[in-house]
């Protein structure tokens, strides 16, 4: 066996072990993020906290929507993309 054949064989082993390591890491990361059951009733209180909202202050959001509607002359559509021509 020549030196280049040994290098090629060793290179294949390194690639195979690296591919296996990446696969194991990816599988463990994806499985740790998965939930297979909905939250329990006693856990829902943590999810309903005001700090978990997307919009922090509902009054400020309402005021912003009012200003937007006043400028545009139309109600709704503040959170949807598109210009009204139907070409979202």
Foldseek 3Di string as FASTA:
>chain_A
DDPVVVVVVVVVVVVVVVVVVVVVVVVVVVVVPDDDDDDDPVVVVVCPDLVNDPDNDPVVVVVVQVVVCVVVVHHDPPPPDDDPPPPD
